[in-house]
Amino acid sequence: MRLFEGVRVLDLSRMLAGPYGAMLLADMGAEVIKIETPAGGDPMRAMGPPFLPGGESAYFLAVNRNKKSVALDLAAPAGREVFLDLVRVADVVLENFRPGVLERLGCAYAALATVNPRVVLCSISAYGQTGPYSDWPAFDLALQAMGGAMSLTGEPGGPPVRMGLPMADLAGGLFGAFAVAGALLRRERTGAGAHVDLSLLDCQVSLLTYIAQYFLTDGRVPGPMGSRHASVAPYQALATRDGHLIVAVFAEKFWGGFCRAVAHPEWADDPRFATNRDRVRHRETLEALIEATFGGRTTDEWLARLHAEGVPAAPVLSVDRVLADQQVRHRDMVVELRHPAHGPTPTLGTPLKVDGASRLEPAPPPRLGEHTDEVLAGTLAYSGARIAELRAAGVVA
């Protein structure tokens, strides 16, 4: 599963999007060196509650496993020299400063490419390196708002709602890791590095996919539909006697089985519901019939009946039930890391299963500056005297 073994990544990013993308590379075997300011490091170290015993942030733990930490002051001239020495032996630099900050630090792509023409710089920012909003600050909530996601989330007639997952940030991390992989592949073929300009707003707009195409096709502005689908019925969450499940009759072949499972075979012959187009047209009538039916049985009873007919259906699980689910556990999506302070600590696994290997054995997130000496002495071959001088000057910690 070590697809990026031998790749060295300098992670200058903070908060969620950049660190998440860097962690994905680390999970696949890259050596990820997290560059943090000596004065507190990544702000996520203080994000909470909750905290582990001793004050370590659960948020920080979630997206910084398998990394090393070097505490380095990039604002100091000597710190920039150390950073450029690291760039010389790196493959990737990942950052999420506001546009212009790297230039002011003397570390813009042109400077990095001068010392290492093969380096890949991935710049993740809220609105991109160019454009009228490029200087605006933003977090996930703002990008969900401006990217259309909040206008589509929630029940019809309700207020704009944020998705429960921080999808703007997570999409940035995913696109970032994907772009880095592509840039490294091109470099293997051409020898050239690259500067990837990744906008979180662009990522959110890209995720609109078919919803945007619907509007571009018919001019109708979409709004929230709860768990429903604009083009399919029934496709939604339903209340049972003891909980909720979803049904997804996404193809005509499932409709007859659904009608048999709910003991209403006559619906299959009802001209109002004969095809998906008919069911969408008569959605409200059909939903009222279905909802009245599903309250009579438990979730497990309905799942057994629906699955017996081959109908796509699943329970709506809370996070605790997800993490205890037998399929999730079978796929090693919850694993333990050996934490030096807390002992065995549960964390998420990786969805990547390569060549039969599935179990991730993660290293705990690093303490601030935990690997400063190791990287400076080992990777850069700095002498003990030079490291001591840098530390005395406050450049490293």
Protein backbone atom coordinates (compact mmCIF):
# COMPACT_ATOMS: atom_id res chain seq x y z
CA MET A 1 0.00 0.00 0.00
CA ARG A 2 3.08 2.26 0.04
CA LEU A 3 2.32 3.82 -3.33
CA PHE A 4 4.24 7.02 -2.49
CA GLU A 5 7.23 5.42 -0.81
CA GLY A 6 10.32 7.54 -1.44
CA VAL A 7 8.29 10.73 -1.96
CA ARG A 8 9.11 13.55 0.46
CA VAL A 9 6.40 16.13 1.16
CA LEU A 10 6.87 19.40 3.03
CA ASP A 11 3.51 20.24 4.59
CA LEU A 12 3.21 23.96 5.37
CA SER A 13 -0.57 23.80 5.61
CA ARG A 14 -2.75 24.34 8.66
CA MET A 15 -6.32 23.65 9.77
CA LEU A 16 -8.08 20.94 7.70
CA ALA A 17 -7.91 20.94 3.89
CA GLY A 18 -4.12 20.93 3.44
CA PRO A 19 -3.30 18.67 6.41
CA TYR A 20 -5.95 16.20 5.27
CA GLY A 21 -4.49 16.03 1.75
CA ALA A 22 -0.97 15.62 3.16
CA MET A 23 -2.17 12.85 5.47
CA LEU A 24 -3.62 10.94 2.53
CA LEU A 25 -0.15 11.01 0.94
CA ALA A 26 1.40 9.93 4.24
CA ASP A 27 -1.06 7.04 4.52
CA MET A 28 0.20 5.89 1.13
CA GLY A 29 3.81 5.90 2.24
CA ALA A 30 5.10 9.41 1.59
CA GLU A 31 7.44 10.96 4.12
CA VAL A 32 5.46 14.02 5.19
CA ILE A 33 7.36 16.66 7.15
CA LYS A 34 4.96 19.11 8.78
CA ILE A 35 6.57 22.56 8.99
CA GLU A 36 5.10 24.47 11.93
CA THR A 37 5.85 27.77 13.59
CA PRO A 38 7.71 27.31 16.88
CA ALA A 39 5.12 29.56 18.57
CA GLY A 40 2.26 27.12 18.99
CA GLY A 41 2.39 25.26 15.67
CA ASP A 42 -0.72 24.39 13.69
CA PRO A 43 -3.76 26.11 15.29
CA MET A 44 -5.55 22.76 15.13
CA ARG A 45 -3.39 21.61 18.03
CA ALA A 46 -5.62 23.78 20.23
CA MET A 47 -8.93 23.00 18.45
CA GLY A 48 -11.51 21.47 20.74
CA PRO A 49 -13.15 20.10 22.74
CA PRO A 50 -12.76 17.17 22.82
CA PHE A 51 -9.17 16.67 23.91
CA LEU A 52 -7.26 13.52 24.78
CA PRO A 53 -5.86 13.31 28.31
CA GLY A 54 -3.01 15.78 28.55
CA GLY A 55 -4.67 18.29 26.24
CA GLU A 56 -3.98 16.83 22.79
CA SER A 57 -6.65 17.83 20.28
CA ALA A 58 -8.78 15.05 18.79
CA TYR A 59 -9.20 17.30 15.73
CA PHE A 60 -5.42 17.46 15.24
CA LEU A 61 -5.07 13.71 15.72
CA ALA A 62 -7.68 13.06 13.01
CA VAL A 63 -5.66 14.55 10.12
CA ASN A 64 -1.99 14.47 11.14
CA ARG A 65 -1.08 10.83 11.66
CA ASN A 66 2.02 9.40 9.98
CA LYS A 67 3.73 12.80 9.81
CA LYS A 68 6.91 14.30 11.21
CA SER A 69 7.01 17.77 12.77
CA VAL A 70 9.75 20.37 12.33
CA ALA A 71 9.29 23.62 14.23
CA LEU A 72 10.73 26.30 11.95
CA ASP A 73 10.28 30.07 11.77
CA LEU A 74 9.88 30.87 8.07
CA ALA A 75 9.71 34.59 8.81
CA ALA A 76 13.35 34.59 9.92
CA PRO A 77 15.99 34.74 7.15
CA ALA A 78 17.81 31.78 8.69
CA GLY A 79 14.52 29.88 8.78
CA ARG A 80 13.98 30.48 5.07
CA GLU A 81 17.47 29.15 4.39
CA VAL A 82 16.66 25.97 6.28
CA PHE A 83 13.35 25.63 4.42
CA LEU A 84 15.03 26.07 1.01
CA ASP A 85 17.55 23.40 2.00
CA LEU A 86 14.61 21.10 2.64
CA VAL A 87 13.05 22.05 -0.70
CA ARG A 88 16.25 20.92 -2.42
CA VAL A 89 15.64 17.36 -1.23
CA ALA A 90 11.82 17.40 -1.40
CA ASP A 91 9.39 16.26 -4.05
CA VAL A 92 6.30 18.20 -2.97
CA VAL A 93 5.51 21.36 -1.03
CA LEU A 94 1.91 21.72 0.10
CA GLU A 95 0.69 25.06 1.51
CA ASN A 96 -2.56 26.86 2.24
CA PHE A 97 -1.47 30.40 3.05
CA ARG A 98 -3.44 33.28 1.61
CA PRO A 99 -2.22 34.26 -1.87
CA GLY A 100 0.86 36.44 -1.63
CA VAL A 101 2.15 35.13 1.71
CA LEU A 102 4.70 32.76 0.17
CA GLU A 103 5.96 35.59 -2.01
CA ARG A 104 6.44 37.82 1.04
CA LEU A 105 8.35 35.01 2.73
CA GLY A 106 10.64 34.70 -0.28
CA CYS A 107 9.33 31.19 -0.95
CA ALA A 108 7.17 31.63 -4.05
CA TYR A 109 7.19 28.91 -6.69
CA ALA A 110 9.87 30.68 -8.73
CA ALA A 111 12.19 30.64 -5.71
CA LEU A 112 11.44 26.98 -4.97
CA ALA A 113 11.94 25.97 -8.61
CA THR A 114 15.28 27.77 -8.66
CA VAL A 115 16.65 25.48 -5.97
CA ASN A 116 14.72 22.40 -7.18
CA PRO A 117 13.26 22.51 -10.72
CA ARG A 118 11.51 19.17 -10.12
CA VAL A 119 9.54 20.29 -7.07
CA VAL A 120 5.73 20.23 -7.11
CA LEU A 121 4.10 23.10 -5.21
CA CYS A 122 0.42 22.61 -4.36
CA SER A 123 -1.19 25.85 -3.18
CA ILE A 124 -4.61 25.38 -1.59
CA SER A 125 -6.52 28.59 -0.91
CA ALA A 126 -10.12 29.60 -0.41
CA TYR A 127 -10.69 31.31 -3.77
CA GLY A 128 -7.50 30.66 -5.73
CA GLN A 129 -4.36 32.63 -6.51
CA THR A 130 -6.18 34.99 -8.90
CA GLY A 131 -9.56 36.68 -9.18
CA PRO A 132 -11.56 39.36 -7.33
CA TYR A 133 -11.98 37.23 -4.17
CA SER A 134 -8.44 35.88 -3.94
CA ASP A 135 -7.63 37.94 -0.81
CA TRP A 136 -10.81 37.02 1.06
CA PRO A 137 -10.43 34.86 4.16
CA ALA A 138 -12.72 31.84 4.35
CA PHE A 139 -13.37 28.59 6.12
CA ASP A 140 -15.45 25.57 5.17
CA LEU A 141 -18.77 27.25 6.06
CA ALA A 142 -18.17 30.20 3.73
CA LEU A 143 -17.23 27.91 0.86
CA GLN A 144 -20.27 25.69 1.33
CA ALA A 145 -22.33 28.89 1.24
CA MET A 146 -20.72 30.38 -1.86
CA GLY A 147 -20.34 27.07 -3.68
CA GLY A 148 -24.07 26.30 -3.63
CA ALA A 149 -24.00 23.39 -1.17
CA MET A 150 -25.97 25.20 1.56
CA SER A 151 -28.72 26.15 -0.87
CA LEU A 152 -29.22 22.45 -1.63
CA THR A 153 -29.00 21.01 1.88
CA GLY A 154 -31.95 20.59 4.24
CA GLU A 155 -35.67 20.14 3.84
CA PRO A 156 -37.80 22.07 1.33
CA GLY A 157 -38.82 25.46 2.68
CA GLY A 158 -36.23 25.39 5.45
CA PRO A 159 -33.27 27.73 6.03
CA PRO A 160 -29.87 27.14 4.41
CA VAL A 161 -28.08 24.27 6.17
CA ARG A 162 -24.42 23.35 6.36
CA MET A 163 -23.57 19.77 5.41
CA GLY A 164 -22.61 17.77 8.49
CA LEU A 165 -19.28 16.87 6.89
CA PRO A 166 -16.86 19.76 6.22
CA MET A 167 -17.08 18.92 2.54
CA ALA A 168 -15.41 22.07 1.22
CA ASP A 169 -12.24 21.38 3.20
CA LEU A 170 -12.31 17.64 2.62
CA ALA A 171 -12.78 18.10 -1.12
CA GLY A 172 -9.76 20.42 -1.15
CA GLY A 173 -7.65 17.76 0.53
CA LEU A 174 -8.85 15.07 -1.88
CA PHE A 175 -8.32 17.22 -4.99
CA GLY A 176 -4.95 18.29 -3.60
CA ALA A 177 -3.70 14.73 -3.16
CA PHE A 178 -5.08 13.83 -6.59
CA ALA A 179 -3.38 16.81 -8.24
CA VAL A 180 -0.07 16.05 -6.53
CA ALA A 181 -0.22 12.46 -7.77
CA GLY A 182 -0.85 13.69 -11.31
CA ALA A 183 1.96 16.24 -11.14
CA LEU A 184 4.39 13.61 -9.90
CA LEU A 185 3.38 11.28 -12.73
CA ARG A 186 4.00 14.05 -15.27
CA ARG A 187 7.35 14.80 -13.65
CA GLU A 188 8.40 11.17 -14.10
CA ARG A 189 7.70 11.55 -17.82
CA THR A 190 9.03 15.06 -18.42
CA GLY A 191 11.29 15.92 -15.48
CA ALA A 192 9.35 19.14 -14.90
CA GLY A 193 7.90 20.30 -11.61
CA ALA A 194 4.58 22.11 -11.33
CA HIS A 195 2.64 24.73 -9.41
CA VAL A 196 -0.89 23.55 -8.67
CA ASP A 197 -3.34 26.40 -7.92
CA LEU A 198 -6.24 24.78 -6.06
CA SER A 199 -9.25 26.86 -5.03
CA LEU A 200 -11.63 25.41 -2.45
CA LEU A 201 -14.46 27.33 -4.10
CA ASP A 202 -13.54 25.75 -7.44
CA CYS A 203 -13.65 22.33 -5.76
CA GLN A 204 -17.12 22.99 -4.37
CA VAL A 205 -18.41 24.19 -7.75
CA SER A 206 -16.94 21.07 -9.36
CA LEU A 207 -18.89 18.89 -6.93
CA LEU A 208 -22.16 20.35 -8.21
CA THR A 209 -21.76 17.95 -11.20
CA TYR A 210 -25.18 16.92 -12.51
CA ILE A 211 -27.02 19.50 -10.39
CA ALA A 212 -25.23 22.30 -12.23
CA GLN A 213 -25.86 20.57 -15.55
CA TYR A 214 -29.57 20.35 -14.77
CA PHE A 215 -29.69 24.14 -14.30
CA LEU A 216 -27.58 24.75 -17.41
CA THR A 217 -30.02 22.54 -19.33
CA ASP A 218 -33.44 23.76 -18.20
CA GLY A 219 -32.76 26.99 -16.27
CA ARG A 220 -34.55 25.84 -13.12
CA VAL A 221 -32.78 26.86 -9.91
CA PRO A 222 -32.56 23.77 -7.66
CA GLY A 223 -33.31 23.95 -3.95
CA PRO A 224 -33.18 21.63 -0.97
CA MET A 225 -34.99 18.32 -1.24
CA GLY A 226 -34.02 16.64 2.01
CA SER A 227 -32.88 13.11 1.19
CA ARG A 228 -34.79 13.02 -2.10
CA HIS A 229 -33.41 13.04 -5.65
CA ALA A 230 -34.71 15.43 -8.29
CA SER A 231 -34.85 12.73 -10.97
CA VAL A 232 -35.72 9.54 -9.08
CA ALA A 233 -38.64 8.31 -6.94
CA PRO A 234 -38.73 6.70 -4.50
CA TYR A 235 -35.22 7.70 -3.40
CA GLN A 236 -35.30 8.97 0.16
CA ALA A 237 -35.13 8.34 3.90
CA LEU A 238 -38.19 6.78 5.48
CA ALA A 239 -39.28 6.51 9.11
CA THR A 240 -39.87 2.97 10.38
CA ARG A 241 -41.36 1.83 13.66
CA ASP A 242 -37.98 2.14 15.43
CA GLY A 243 -35.73 4.32 13.26
CA HIS A 244 -35.00 5.29 9.68
CA LEU A 245 -33.78 3.65 6.51
CA ILE A 246 -33.28 4.71 2.92
CA VAL A 247 -34.60 3.17 -0.26
CA ALA A 248 -33.10 3.91 -3.67
CA VAL A 249 -35.19 2.71 -6.59
CA PHE A 250 -32.66 4.10 -9.04
CA ALA A 251 -33.59 1.84 -11.94
CA GLU A 252 -36.85 0.44 -13.22
CA LYS A 253 -35.76 -3.13 -12.44
CA PHE A 254 -36.09 -2.36 -8.71
CA TRP A 255 -39.63 -0.99 -8.79
CA GLY A 256 -41.49 -4.30 -9.03
CA GLY A 257 -39.41 -5.78 -6.21
CA PHE A 258 -40.08 -2.73 -4.06
CA CYS A 259 -43.84 -3.09 -4.59
CA ARG A 260 -43.70 -6.77 -3.61
CA ALA A 261 -41.54 -6.04 -0.54
CA VAL A 262 -44.04 -3.52 0.79
CA ALA A 263 -46.96 -5.86 0.01
CA HIS A 264 -48.50 -3.50 -2.54
CA PRO A 265 -47.98 -5.28 -5.86
CA GLU A 266 -50.84 -3.22 -7.32
CA TRP A 267 -48.59 -0.13 -7.31
CA ALA A 268 -46.56 -1.69 -10.10
CA ASP A 269 -49.62 -1.59 -12.36
CA ASP A 270 -50.82 1.86 -11.28
CA PRO A 271 -50.43 4.18 -14.31
CA ARG A 272 -49.39 6.99 -11.96
CA PHE A 273 -46.33 4.98 -10.97
CA ALA A 274 -45.63 2.86 -14.05
CA THR A 275 -42.27 4.47 -14.88
CA ASN A 276 -39.79 6.57 -12.99
CA ARG A 277 -40.93 9.62 -14.93
CA ASP A 278 -44.50 8.94 -13.78
CA ARG A 279 -43.37 8.43 -10.19
CA VAL A 280 -41.45 11.71 -10.17
CA ARG A 281 -44.51 13.49 -11.59
CA HIS A 282 -46.70 12.01 -8.83
CA ARG A 283 -44.02 12.10 -6.14
CA GLU A 284 -46.18 13.59 -3.38
CA THR A 285 -48.94 11.03 -3.82
CA LEU A 286 -46.48 8.13 -3.90
CA GLU A 287 -44.53 9.37 -0.90
CA ALA A 288 -47.69 9.64 1.21
CA LEU A 289 -48.55 6.02 0.41
CA ILE A 290 -45.05 4.78 1.15
CA GLU A 291 -44.66 6.73 4.38
CA ALA A 292 -47.96 5.38 5.70
CA THR A 293 -46.74 1.85 5.00
CA PHE A 294 -43.25 2.00 6.52
CA GLY A 295 -44.34 2.96 10.02
CA GLY A 296 -45.79 -0.51 10.54
CA ARG A 297 -42.53 -2.48 10.71
CA THR A 298 -39.08 -2.14 12.27
CA THR A 299 -36.02 -1.15 10.30
CA ASP A 300 -34.58 -4.68 10.41
CA GLU A 301 -37.86 -6.16 9.21
CA TRP A 302 -38.01 -3.79 6.27
CA LEU A 303 -34.37 -4.37 5.37
CA ALA A 304 -34.92 -8.12 5.30
CA ARG A 305 -37.96 -7.77 3.00
CA LEU A 306 -36.31 -5.23 0.68
CA HIS A 307 -33.02 -7.11 0.40
CA ALA A 308 -34.89 -10.34 -0.33
CA GLU A 309 -36.25 -8.57 -3.43
CA GLY A 310 -32.86 -7.09 -4.33
CA VAL A 311 -33.97 -3.52 -3.62
CA PRO A 312 -31.18 -1.09 -2.60
CA ALA A 313 -31.89 -0.16 1.02
CA ALA A 314 -29.79 0.68 4.06
CA PRO A 315 -30.27 1.82 7.65
CA VAL A 316 -29.55 5.41 8.65
CA LEU A 317 -26.75 4.94 11.18
CA SER A 318 -25.45 7.36 13.79
CA VAL A 319 -21.67 7.77 14.02
CA ASP A 320 -21.34 5.39 16.97
CA ARG A 321 -23.14 2.66 15.04
CA VAL A 322 -21.07 3.32 11.91
CA LEU A 323 -17.81 2.86 13.80
CA ALA A 324 -19.10 -0.38 15.39
CA ASP A 325 -20.58 -1.78 12.16
CA GLN A 326 -19.35 -5.25 11.18
CA GLN A 327 -18.66 -4.27 7.55
CA VAL A 328 -16.76 -1.15 8.59
CA ARG A 329 -14.70 -3.22 11.05
CA HIS A 330 -14.14 -6.00 8.52
CA ARG A 331 -12.69 -3.44 6.11
CA ASP A 332 -10.29 -2.10 8.79
CA MET A 333 -11.83 1.35 8.78
CA VAL A 334 -11.24 1.63 12.52
CA VAL A 335 -7.69 0.85 13.61
CA GLU A 336 -5.46 1.50 16.58
CA LEU A 337 -2.40 3.69 16.71
CA ARG A 338 0.20 3.23 19.41
CA HIS A 339 0.25 6.59 21.13
CA PRO A 340 3.29 7.21 23.34
CA ALA A 341 1.23 9.06 25.95
CA HIS A 342 -2.17 7.39 25.70
CA GLY A 343 -1.38 3.83 24.61
CA PRO A 344 -3.62 2.12 22.05
CA THR A 345 -5.83 4.85 20.59
CA PRO A 346 -8.60 4.18 18.06
CA THR A 347 -8.60 6.17 14.85
CA LEU A 348 -9.91 5.83 11.30
CA GLY A 349 -8.31 3.52 8.78
CA THR A 350 -7.80 4.16 5.08
CA PRO A 351 -10.25 3.25 2.32
CA LEU A 352 -7.35 2.32 0.02
CA LYS A 353 -6.82 -1.42 -0.32
CA VAL A 354 -3.90 -2.21 -2.63
CA ASP A 355 -2.55 -5.66 -3.52
CA GLY A 356 -4.51 -7.26 -0.74
CA ALA A 357 -3.12 -5.00 1.97
CA SER A 358 -5.79 -3.18 3.92
CA ARG A 359 -4.68 -2.60 7.49
CA LEU A 360 -3.19 0.79 8.17
CA GLU A 361 -0.76 0.84 11.09
CA PRO A 362 -0.62 4.58 11.70
CA ALA A 363 2.00 6.46 13.64
CA PRO A 364 0.57 9.01 16.09
CA PRO A 365 0.50 12.68 15.12
CA PRO A 366 3.80 14.31 16.01
CA ARG A 367 4.46 16.55 18.95
CA LEU A 368 5.39 20.09 17.92
CA GLY A 369 9.02 19.98 16.78
CA GLU A 370 9.36 16.29 17.61
CA HIS A 371 11.45 15.58 14.51
CA THR A 372 13.33 18.87 14.15
CA ASP A 373 16.70 17.42 15.13
CA GLU A 374 16.11 14.17 13.22
CA VAL A 375 15.30 15.98 9.96
CA LEU A 376 17.99 18.66 10.24
CA ALA A 377 20.72 16.21 11.24
CA GLY A 378 19.60 13.25 9.14
CA THR A 379 17.99 14.69 6.03
CA LEU A 380 20.09 17.87 5.77
CA ALA A 381 23.25 16.64 7.51
CA TYR A 382 23.42 19.75 9.70
CA SER A 383 25.98 19.59 12.46
CA GLY A 384 24.96 19.60 16.11
CA ALA A 385 26.58 23.00 16.49
CA ARG A 386 24.51 24.51 13.67
CA ILE A 387 21.27 23.07 15.05
CA ALA A 388 22.13 24.44 18.49
CA GLU A 389 22.81 27.86 16.96
CA LEU A 390 19.47 27.85 15.14
CA ARG A 391 17.68 26.81 18.30
CA ALA A 392 19.38 29.49 20.37
CA ALA A 393 18.25 32.09 17.83
CA GLY A 394 14.65 30.86 18.06
CA VAL A 395 14.63 29.77 14.39
CA VAL A 396 13.87 26.15 15.26
CA ALA A 397 12.39 24.40 18.26
